[in-house]
């Protein structure tokens, strides 16, 4: 696994739905109907992250969730981050 270049990051971002590249992470915020829906989705994302053995940094306040992805092994962004971001978007799409 390798750290992606800025060009590779930007190319991969174009394939995602509204993820941003800031401070050596890719990041996206979500707003759900309520706390229960947010927690249900968080649990589904946690299950997927465990399957991929890649764990996000996230914050949750009531119905708001912000997820940041980076790969510690490469001290930056790798294809693992984009794989998980794609899976997260698919999970969230089931609810929106």
PDB file of N, CA and C in Angstrom:
ATOM      1  N   UNK A   1       0.854  -1.173   0.000  1.00  0.00           N
ATOM      2  CA  UNK A   1       0.000   0.000   0.000  1.00  0.00           C
ATOM      3  C   UNK A   1       0.901   1.238   0.000  1.00  0.00           C
ATOM      4  N   UNK A   2       0.500   2.203  -0.828  1.00  0.00           N
ATOM      5  CA  UNK A   2       1.286   3.426  -0.952  1.00  0.00           C
ATOM      6  C   UNK A   2       0.439   4.656  -0.681  1.00  0.00           C
ATOM      7  N   UNK A   3       1.107   5.693  -0.236  1.00  0.00           N
ATOM      8  CA  UNK A   3       0.476   6.997  -0.079  1.00  0.00           C
ATOM      9  C   UNK A   3       0.169   7.536  -1.467  1.00  0.00           C
ATOM     10  N   UNK A   4      -1.030   8.058  -1.661  1.00  0.00           N
ATOM     11  CA  UNK A   4      -1.423   8.586  -2.951  1.00  0.00           C
ATOM     12  C   UNK A   4      -0.886  10.003  -3.146  1.00  0.00           C
ATOM     13  N   UNK A   5      -0.588  10.330  -4.390  1.00  0.00           N
ATOM     14  CA  UNK A   5      -0.150  11.680  -4.737  1.00  0.00           C
ATOM     15  C   UNK A   5      -1.372  12.606  -4.751  1.00  0.00           C
ATOM     16  N   UNK A   6      -1.115  13.895  -4.775  1.00  0.00           N
ATOM     17  CA  UNK A   6      -2.203  14.877  -4.855  1.00  0.00           C
ATOM     18  C   UNK A   6      -3.065  14.635  -6.100  1.00  0.00           C
ATOM     19  N   UNK A   7      -2.426  14.314  -7.204  1.00  0.00           N
ATOM     20  CA  UNK A   7      -3.163  14.049  -8.451  1.00  0.00           C
ATOM     21  C   UNK A   7      -4.057  12.831  -8.282  1.00  0.00           C
ATOM     22  N   UNK A   8      -3.527  11.760  -7.690  1.00  0.00           N
ATOM     23  CA  UNK A   8      -4.320  10.545  -7.474  1.00  0.00           C
ATOM     24  C   UNK A   8      -5.476  10.802  -6.503  1.00  0.00           C
ATOM     25  N   UNK A   9      -5.214  11.578  -5.485  1.00  0.00           N
ATOM     26  CA  UNK A   9      -6.278  11.923  -4.524  1.00  0.00           C
ATOM     27  C   UNK A   9      -7.390  12.682  -5.238  1.00  0.00           C
ATOM     28  N   UNK A  10      -7.038  13.680  -6.015  1.00  0.00           N
ATOM     29  CA  UNK A  10      -8.042  14.479  -6.721  1.00  0.00           C
ATOM     30  C   UNK A  10      -8.820  13.647  -7.730  1.00  0.00           C
ATOM     31  N   UNK A  11      -8.146  12.729  -8.407  1.00  0.00           N
ATOM     32  CA  UNK A  11      -8.837  11.848  -9.354  1.00  0.00           C
ATOM     33  C   UNK A  11      -9.847  10.963  -8.627  1.00  0.00           C
ATOM     34  N   UNK A  12      -9.458  10.420  -7.481  1.00  0.00           N
ATOM     35  CA  UNK A  12     -10.345   9.560  -6.706  1.00  0.00           C
ATOM     36  C   UNK A  12     -11.495  10.339  -6.081  1.00  0.00           C
ATOM     37  N   UNK A  13     -11.246  11.568  -5.670  1.00  0.00           N
ATOM     38  CA  UNK A  13     -12.308  12.396  -5.100  1.00  0.00           C
ATOM     39  C   UNK A  13     -13.438  12.629  -6.101  1.00  0.00           C
ATOM     40  N   UNK A  14     -13.098  12.712  -7.368  1.00  0.00           N
ATOM     41  CA  UNK A  14     -14.108  12.935  -8.405  1.00  0.00           C
ATOM     42  C   UNK A  14     -15.088  11.768  -8.499  1.00  0.00           C
ATOM     43  N   UNK A  15     -14.694  10.602  -8.027  1.00  0.00           N
ATOM     44  CA  UNK A  15     -15.546   9.403  -8.078  1.00  0.00           C
ATOM     45  C   UNK A  15     -16.469   9.316  -6.861  1.00  0.00           C
ATOM     46  N   UNK A  16     -16.228  10.159  -5.865  1.00  0.00           N
ATOM     47  CA  UNK A  16     -17.022  10.132  -4.634  1.00  0.00           C
ATOM     48  C   UNK A  16     -18.050  11.254  -4.626  1.00  0.00           C
ATOM     49  N   UNK A  17     -18.977  11.154  -3.689  1.00  0.00           N
ATOM     50  CA  UNK A  17     -20.048  12.125  -3.572  1.00  0.00           C
ATOM     51  C   UNK A  17     -19.747  13.119  -2.447  1.00  0.00           C
ATOM     52  N   UNK A  18     -19.188  14.264  -2.792  1.00  0.00           N
ATOM     53  CA  UNK A  18     -18.978  15.393  -1.868  1.00  0.00           C
ATOM     54  C   UNK A  18     -17.998  15.116  -0.724  1.00  0.00           C
ATOM     55  N   UNK A  19     -16.982  14.323  -0.951  1.00  0.00           N
ATOM     56  CA  UNK A  19     -15.904  14.195   0.030  1.00  0.00           C
ATOM     57  C   UNK A  19     -14.890  15.291  -0.263  1.00  0.00           C
ATOM     58  N   UNK A  20     -14.213  15.777   0.787  1.00  0.00           N
ATOM     59  CA  UNK A  20     -13.226  16.848   0.651  1.00  0.00           C
ATOM     60  C   UNK A  20     -11.864  16.367   1.131  1.00  0.00           C
ATOM     61  N   UNK A  21     -10.841  16.968   0.580  1.00  0.00           N
ATOM     62  CA  UNK A  21      -9.465  16.668   0.990  1.00  0.00           C
ATOM     63  C   UNK A  21      -8.933  17.867   1.769  1.00  0.00           C
ATOM     64  N   UNK A  22      -8.720  17.665   3.063  1.00  0.00           N
ATOM     65  CA  UNK A  22      -8.177  18.727   3.904  1.00  0.00           C
ATOM     66  C   UNK A  22      -7.245  18.130   4.941  1.00  0.00           C
ATOM     67  N   UNK A  23      -6.168  18.798   5.208  1.00  0.00           N
ATOM     68  CA  UNK A  23      -5.248  18.425   6.293  1.00  0.00           C
ATOM     69  C   UNK A  23      -4.888  16.942   6.287  1.00  0.00           C
ATOM     70  N   UNK A  24      -4.534  16.410   5.117  1.00  0.00           N
ATOM     71  CA  UNK A  24      -4.044  15.040   4.986  1.00  0.00           C
ATOM     72  C   UNK A  24      -5.095  13.976   5.303  1.00  0.00           C
ATOM     73  N   UNK A  25      -6.373  14.319   5.137  1.00  0.00           N
ATOM     74  CA  UNK A  25      -7.471  13.362   5.288  1.00  0.00           C
ATOM     75  C   UNK A  25      -8.497  13.619   4.187  1.00  0.00           C
ATOM     76  N   UNK A  26      -9.356  12.625   3.934  1.00  0.00           N
ATOM     77  CA  UNK A  26     -10.566  12.899   3.177  1.00  0.00           C
ATOM     78  C   UNK A  26     -11.692  12.914   4.204  1.00  0.00           C
ATOM     79  N   UNK A  27     -12.640  13.798   3.991  1.00  0.00           N
ATOM     80  CA  UNK A  27     -13.612  14.100   5.039  1.00  0.00           C
ATOM     81  C   UNK A  27     -14.983  14.374   4.438  1.00  0.00           C
ATOM     82  N   UNK A  28     -16.014  13.967   5.191  1.00  0.00           N
ATOM     83  CA  UNK A  28     -17.388  14.253   4.778  1.00  0.00           C
ATOM     84  C   UNK A  28     -18.263  14.335   6.015  1.00  0.00           C
ATOM     85  N   UNK A  29     -19.248  15.225   5.962  1.00  0.00           N
ATOM     86  CA  UNK A  29     -20.216  15.363   7.048  1.00  0.00           C
ATOM     87  C   UNK A  29     -21.596  14.950   6.545  1.00  0.00           C
ATOM     88  N   UNK A  30     -22.359  14.359   7.451  1.00  0.00           N
ATOM     89  CA  UNK A  30     -23.704  13.890   7.152  1.00  0.00           C
ATOM     90  C   UNK A  30     -24.651  14.443   8.206  1.00  0.00           C
ATOM     91  N   UNK A  31     -25.901  14.653   7.810  1.00  0.00           N
ATOM     92  CA  UNK A  31     -26.958  15.037   8.746  1.00  0.00           C
ATOM     93  C   UNK A  31     -28.105  14.057   8.537  1.00  0.00           C
ATOM     94  N   UNK A  32     -28.546  13.424   9.635  1.00  0.00           N
ATOM     95  CA  UNK A  32     -29.613  12.436   9.567  1.00  0.00           C
ATOM     96  C   UNK A  32     -30.874  12.964  10.230  1.00  0.00           C
ATOM     97  N   UNK A  33     -31.945  12.196  10.164  1.00  0.00           N
ATOM     98  CA  UNK A  33     -33.236  12.626  10.712  1.00  0.00           C
ATOM     99  C   UNK A  33     -33.175  12.872  12.209  1.00  0.00           C
ATOM    100  N   UNK A  34     -32.464  12.005  12.907  1.00  0.00           N
ATOM    101  CA  UNK A  34     -32.427  12.079  14.368  1.00  0.00           C
ATOM    102  C   UNK A  34     -31.253  11.265  14.890  1.00  0.00           C
ATOM    103  N   UNK A  35     -31.096  11.231  16.187  1.00  0.00           N
ATOM    104  CA  UNK A  35     -29.989  10.514  16.821  1.00  0.00           C
ATOM    105  C   UNK A  35     -30.063   9.015  16.545  1.00  0.00           C
ATOM    106  N   UNK A  36     -31.257   8.441  16.607  1.00  0.00           N
ATOM    107  CA  UNK A  36     -31.393   7.000  16.383  1.00  0.00           C
ATOM    108  C   UNK A  36     -30.921   6.597  14.993  1.00  0.00           C
ATOM    109  N   UNK A  37     -31.303   7.368  13.990  1.00  0.00           N
ATOM    110  CA  UNK A  37     -30.860   7.055  12.633  1.00  0.00           C
ATOM    111  C   UNK A  37     -29.342   7.199  12.518  1.00  0.00           C
ATOM    112  N   UNK A  38     -28.800   8.255  13.100  1.00  0.00           N
ATOM    113  CA  UNK A  38     -27.341   8.450  13.073  1.00  0.00           C
ATOM    114  C   UNK A  38     -26.631   7.255  13.701  1.00  0.00           C
ATOM    115  N   UNK A  39     -27.113   6.787  14.840  1.00  0.00           N
ATOM    116  CA  UNK A  39     -26.463   5.664  15.527  1.00  0.00           C
ATOM    117  C   UNK A  39     -26.588   4.371  14.732  1.00  0.00           C
ATOM    118  N   UNK A  40     -27.717   4.159  14.096  1.00  0.00           N
ATOM    119  CA  UNK A  40     -27.889   2.961  13.268  1.00  0.00           C
ATOM    120  C   UNK A  40     -26.873   2.952  12.124  1.00  0.00           C
ATOM    121  N   UNK A  41     -26.707   4.093  11.492  1.00  0.00           N
ATOM    122  CA  UNK A  41     -25.754   4.191  10.380  1.00  0.00           C
ATOM    123  C   UNK A  41     -24.318   4.085  10.894  1.00  0.00           C
ATOM    124  N   UNK A  42     -24.026   4.709  12.009  1.00  0.00           N
ATOM    125  CA  UNK A  42     -22.691   4.597  12.597  1.00  0.00           C
ATOM    126  C   UNK A  42     -22.343   3.130  12.852  1.00  0.00           C
ATOM    127  N   UNK A  43     -23.280   2.376  13.370  1.00  0.00           N
ATOM    128  CA  UNK A  43     -23.029   0.955  13.636  1.00  0.00           C
ATOM    129  C   UNK A  43     -22.793   0.169  12.355  1.00  0.00           C
ATOM    130  N   UNK A  44     -23.529   0.487  11.295  1.00  0.00           N
ATOM    131  CA  UNK A  44     -23.301  -0.180  10.011  1.00  0.00           C
ATOM    132  C   UNK A  44     -21.924   0.190   9.441  1.00  0.00           C
ATOM    133  N   UNK A  45     -21.551   1.449   9.574  1.00  0.00           N
ATOM    134  CA  UNK A  45     -20.225   1.872   9.106  1.00  0.00           C
ATOM    135  C   UNK A  45     -19.137   1.188   9.930  1.00  0.00           C
ATOM    136  N   UNK A  46     -19.340   1.085  11.227  1.00  0.00           N
ATOM    137  CA  UNK A  46     -18.361   0.419  12.096  1.00  0.00           C
ATOM    138  C   UNK A  46     -18.162  -1.030  11.680  1.00  0.00           C
ATOM    139  N   UNK A  47     -19.249  -1.698  11.340  1.00  0.00           N
ATOM    140  CA  UNK A  47     -19.159  -3.092  10.891  1.00  0.00           C
ATOM    141  C   UNK A  47     -18.353  -3.201   9.595  1.00  0.00           C
ATOM    142  N   UNK A  48     -18.613  -2.291   8.665  1.00  0.00           N
ATOM    143  CA  UNK A  48     -17.869  -2.285   7.402  1.00  0.00           C
ATOM    144  C   UNK A  48     -16.398  -1.952   7.637  1.00  0.00           C
ATOM    145  N   UNK A  49     -16.137  -0.987   8.499  1.00  0.00           N
ATOM    146  CA  UNK A  49     -14.746  -0.619   8.805  1.00  0.00           C
ATOM    147  C   UNK A  49     -13.994  -1.815   9.397  1.00  0.00           C
ATOM    148  N   UNK A  50     -14.660  -2.559  10.247  1.00  0.00           N
ATOM    149  CA  UNK A  50     -14.037  -3.748  10.838  1.00  0.00           C
ATOM    150  C   UNK A  50     -13.718  -4.775   9.751  1.00  0.00           C
ATOM    151  N   UNK A  51     -14.658  -4.982   8.814  1.00  0.00           N
ATOM    152  CA  UNK A  51     -14.421  -5.915   7.701  1.00  0.00           C
ATOM    153  C   UNK A  51     -13.205  -5.493   6.874  1.00  0.00           C
ATOM    154  N   UNK A  52     -13.101  -4.197   6.640  1.00  0.00           N
ATOM    155  CA  UNK A  52     -11.992  -3.682   5.824  1.00  0.00           C
ATOM    156  C   UNK A  52     -10.713  -3.486   6.636  1.00  0.00           C
ATOM    157  N   UNK A  53     -10.807  -3.673   7.955  1.00  0.00           N
ATOM    158  CA  UNK A  53      -9.675  -3.429   8.852  1.00  0.00           C
ATOM    159  C   UNK A  53      -9.101  -2.023   8.631  1.00  0.00           C
ATOM    160  N   UNK A  54     -10.022  -1.069   8.582  1.00  0.00           N
ATOM    161  CA  UNK A  54      -9.639   0.331   8.365  1.00  0.00           C
ATOM    162  C   UNK A  54     -10.638   1.190   9.136  1.00  0.00           C
ATOM    163  N   UNK A  55     -10.183   1.906  10.111  1.00  0.00           N
ATOM    164  CA  UNK A  55     -11.082   2.531  11.073  1.00  0.00           C
ATOM    165  C   UNK A  55     -11.056   4.055  10.968  1.00  0.00           C
ATOM    166  N   UNK A  56     -12.241   4.648  10.801  1.00  0.00           N
ATOM    167  CA  UNK A  56     -12.309   6.098  10.617  1.00  0.00           C
ATOM    168  C   UNK A  56     -12.172   6.869  11.923  1.00  0.00           C
ATOM    169  N   UNK A  57     -11.809   8.110  11.773  1.00  0.00           N
ATOM    170  CA  UNK A  57     -11.941   9.069  12.873  1.00  0.00           C
ATOM    171  C   UNK A  57     -13.283   9.741  12.643  1.00  0.00           C
ATOM    172  N   UNK A  58     -14.103   9.805  13.685  1.00  0.00           N
ATOM    173  CA  UNK A  58     -15.400  10.446  13.489  1.00  0.00           C
ATOM    174  C   UNK A  58     -15.875  11.155  14.731  1.00  0.00           C
ATOM    175  N   UNK A  59     -16.786  12.102  14.500  1.00  0.00           N
ATOM    176  CA  UNK A  59     -17.458  12.779  15.602  1.00  0.00           C
ATOM    177  C   UNK A  59     -18.949  12.718  15.319  1.00  0.00           C
ATOM    178  N   UNK A  60     -19.705  12.585  16.395  1.00  0.00           N
ATOM    179  CA  UNK A  60     -21.157  12.514  16.288  1.00  0.00           C
ATOM    180  C   UNK A  60     -21.759  13.422  17.346  1.00  0.00           C
ATOM    181  N   UNK A  61     -22.624  14.319  16.904  1.00  0.00           N
ATOM    182  CA  UNK A  61     -23.398  15.165  17.810  1.00  0.00           C
ATOM    183  C   UNK A  61     -24.848  15.075  17.343  1.00  0.00           C
ATOM    184  N   UNK A  62     -25.657  14.441  18.159  1.00  0.00           N
ATOM    185  CA  UNK A  62     -27.067  14.198  17.892  1.00  0.00           C
ATOM    186  C   UNK A  62     -27.257  13.567  16.509  1.00  0.00           C
ATOM    187  N   UNK A  63     -27.674  14.315  15.502  1.00  0.00           N
ATOM    188  CA  UNK A  63     -27.939  13.734  14.189  1.00  0.00           C
ATOM    189  C   UNK A  63     -26.842  14.041  13.164  1.00  0.00           C
ATOM    190  N   UNK A  64     -25.750  14.604  13.622  1.00  0.00           N
ATOM    191  CA  UNK A  64     -24.659  14.991  12.725  1.00  0.00           C
ATOM    192  C   UNK A  64     -23.466  14.044  12.908  1.00  0.00           C
ATOM    193  N   UNK A  65     -22.889  13.651  11.785  1.00  0.00           N
ATOM    194  CA  UNK A  65     -21.736  12.758  11.783  1.00  0.00           C
ATOM    195  C   UNK A  65     -20.696  13.315  10.827  1.00  0.00           C
ATOM    196  N   UNK A  66     -19.472  13.458  11.302  1.00  0.00           N
ATOM    197  CA  UNK A  66     -18.352  13.844  10.452  1.00  0.00           C
ATOM    198  C   UNK A  66     -17.335  12.722  10.481  1.00  0.00           C
ATOM    199  N   UNK A  67     -16.909  12.304   9.297  1.00  0.00           N
ATOM    200  CA  UNK A  67     -15.957  11.196   9.161  1.00  0.00           C
ATOM    201  C   UNK A  67     -14.705  11.705   8.471  1.00  0.00           C
ATOM    202  N   UNK A  68     -13.554  11.335   9.042  1.00  0.00           N
ATOM    203  CA  UNK A  68     -12.259  11.648   8.443  1.00  0.00           C
ATOM    204  C   UNK A  68     -11.518  10.335   8.229  1.00  0.00           C
ATOM    205  N   UNK A  69     -10.945  10.194   7.030  1.00  0.00           N
ATOM    206  CA  UNK A  69     -10.213   8.985   6.693  1.00  0.00           C
ATOM    207  C   UNK A  69      -8.793   9.312   6.289  1.00  0.00           C
ATOM    208  N   UNK A  70      -7.864   8.558   6.832  1.00  0.00           N
ATOM    209  CA  UNK A  70      -6.464   8.593   6.407  1.00  0.00           C
ATOM    210  C   UNK A  70      -5.862   7.242   6.781  1.00  0.00           C
ATOM    211  N   UNK A  71      -4.713   6.962   6.228  1.00  0.00           N
ATOM    212  CA  UNK A  71      -4.052   5.682   6.476  1.00  0.00           C
ATOM    213  C   UNK A  71      -2.788   5.936   7.270  1.00  0.00           C
ATOM    214  N   UNK A  72      -2.806   5.531   8.518  1.00  0.00           N
ATOM    215  CA  UNK A  72      -1.670   5.787   9.406  1.00  0.00           C
ATOM    216  C   UNK A  72      -0.392   5.106   8.929  1.00  0.00           C
ATOM    217  N   UNK A  73      -0.529   3.919   8.319  1.00  0.00           N
ATOM    218  CA  UNK A  73       0.641   3.171   7.860  1.00  0.00           C
ATOM    219  C   UNK A  73       1.459   3.920   6.809  1.00  0.00           C
ATOM    220  N   UNK A  74       0.803   4.820   6.065  1.00  0.00           N
ATOM    221  CA  UNK A  74       1.522   5.578   5.036  1.00  0.00           C
ATOM    222  C   UNK A  74       1.592   7.059   5.368  1.00  0.00           C
ATOM    223  N   UNK A  75       1.093   7.431   6.542  1.00  0.00           N
ATOM    224  CA  UNK A  75       1.070   8.837   6.971  1.00  0.00           C
ATOM    225  C   UNK A  75       0.410   9.734   5.936  1.00  0.00           C
ATOM    226  N   UNK A  76      -0.718   9.269   5.431  1.00  0.00           N
ATOM    227  CA  UNK A  76      -1.441  10.052   4.437  1.00  0.00           C
ATOM    228  C   UNK A  76      -2.658   9.306   3.943  1.00  0.00           C
ATOM    229  N   UNK A  77      -3.023   9.575   2.717  1.00  0.00           N
ATOM    230  CA  UNK A  77      -4.215   8.991   2.119  1.00  0.00           C
ATOM    231  C   UNK A  77      -3.807   7.887   1.153  1.00  0.00           C
ATOM    232  N   UNK A  78      -4.497   6.756   1.285  1.00  0.00           N
ATOM    233  CA  UNK A  78      -4.226   5.615   0.410  1.00  0.00           C
ATOM    234  C   UNK A  78      -5.527   5.137  -0.231  1.00  0.00           C
ATOM    235  N   UNK A  79      -5.420   4.123  -1.062  1.00  0.00           N
ATOM    236  CA  UNK A  79      -6.612   3.551  -1.692  1.00  0.00           C
ATOM    237  C   UNK A  79      -7.570   2.987  -0.652  1.00  0.00           C
ATOM    238  N   UNK A  80      -7.069   2.573   0.505  1.00  0.00           N
ATOM    239  CA  UNK A  80      -7.942   2.065   1.572  1.00  0.00           C
ATOM    240  C   UNK A  80      -8.966   3.123   1.995  1.00  0.00           C
ATOM    241  N   UNK A  81      -8.561   4.358   2.018  1.00  0.00           N
ATOM    242  CA  UNK A  81      -9.466   5.441   2.409  1.00  0.00           C
ATOM    243  C   UNK A  81     -10.601   5.597   1.394  1.00  0.00           C
ATOM    244  N   UNK A  82     -10.274   5.490   0.129  1.00  0.00           N
ATOM    245  CA  UNK A  82     -11.296   5.616  -0.901  1.00  0.00           C
ATOM    246  C   UNK A  82     -12.208   4.393  -0.939  1.00  0.00           C
ATOM    247  N   UNK A  83     -11.671   3.218  -0.649  1.00  0.00           N
ATOM    248  CA  UNK A  83     -12.505   2.018  -0.571  1.00  0.00           C
ATOM    249  C   UNK A  83     -13.539   2.162   0.544  1.00  0.00           C
ATOM    250  N   UNK A  84     -13.098   2.626   1.708  1.00  0.00           N
ATOM    251  CA  UNK A  84     -14.029   2.784   2.820  1.00  0.00           C
ATOM    252  C   UNK A  84     -15.006   3.929   2.564  1.00  0.00           C
ATOM    253  N   UNK A  85     -14.543   5.021   1.986  1.00  0.00           N
ATOM    254  CA  UNK A  85     -15.433   6.141   1.668  1.00  0.00           C
ATOM    255  C   UNK A  85     -16.535   5.701   0.709  1.00  0.00           C
ATOM    256  N   UNK A  86     -16.192   4.892  -0.270  1.00  0.00           N
ATOM    257  CA  UNK A  86     -17.183   4.374  -1.215  1.00  0.00           C
ATOM    258  C   UNK A  86     -18.221   3.521  -0.486  1.00  0.00           C
ATOM    259  N   UNK A  87     -17.752   2.654   0.405  1.00  0.00           N
ATOM    260  CA  UNK A  87     -18.664   1.813   1.177  1.00  0.00           C
ATOM    261  C   UNK A  87     -19.559   2.653   2.088  1.00  0.00           C
ATOM    262  N   UNK A  88     -18.996   3.682   2.693  1.00  0.00           N
ATOM    263  CA  UNK A  88     -19.782   4.575   3.566  1.00  0.00           C
ATOM    264  C   UNK A  88     -20.882   5.257   2.768  1.00  0.00           C
ATOM    265  N   UNK A  89     -20.552   5.755   1.591  1.00  0.00           N
ATOM    266  CA  UNK A  89     -21.568   6.402   0.760  1.00  0.00           C
ATOM    267  C   UNK A  89     -22.698   5.435   0.409  1.00  0.00           C
ATOM    268  N   UNK A  90     -22.365   4.176   0.140  1.00  0.00           N
ATOM    269  CA  UNK A  90     -23.398   3.184  -0.172  1.00  0.00           C
ATOM    270  C   UNK A  90     -24.283   2.901   1.035  1.00  0.00           C
ATOM    271  N   UNK A  91     -23.686   2.825   2.206  1.00  0.00           N
ATOM    272  CA  UNK A  91     -24.460   2.607   3.432  1.00  0.00           C
ATOM    273  C   UNK A  91     -25.411   3.767   3.663  1.00  0.00           C
ATOM    274  N   UNK A  92     -24.896   4.982   3.575  1.00  0.00           N
ATOM    275  CA  UNK A  92     -25.714   6.169   3.840  1.00  0.00           C
ATOM    276  C   UNK A  92     -26.816   6.308   2.787  1.00  0.00           C
ATOM    277  N   UNK A  93     -26.511   5.955   1.563  1.00  0.00           N
ATOM    278  CA  UNK A  93     -27.497   6.068   0.470  1.00  0.00           C
ATOM    279  C   UNK A  93     -28.754   5.246   0.763  1.00  0.00           C
ATOM    280  N   UNK A  94     -28.616   4.164   1.496  1.00  0.00           N
ATOM    281  CA  UNK A  94     -29.768   3.335   1.849  1.00  0.00           C
ATOM    282  C   UNK A  94     -30.761   4.092   2.721  1.00  0.00           C
ATOM    283  N   UNK A  95     -30.319   5.144   3.392  1.00  0.00           N
ATOM    284  CA  UNK A  95     -31.175   5.889   4.316  1.00  0.00           C
ATOM    285  C   UNK A  95     -31.653   7.217   3.761  1.00  0.00           C
ATOM    286  N   UNK A  96     -31.009   7.693   2.732  1.00  0.00           N
ATOM    287  CA  UNK A  96     -31.358   9.031   2.225  1.00  0.00           C
ATOM    288  C   UNK A  96     -32.075   8.953   0.880  1.00  0.00           C
TER     289      UNK A  96
END
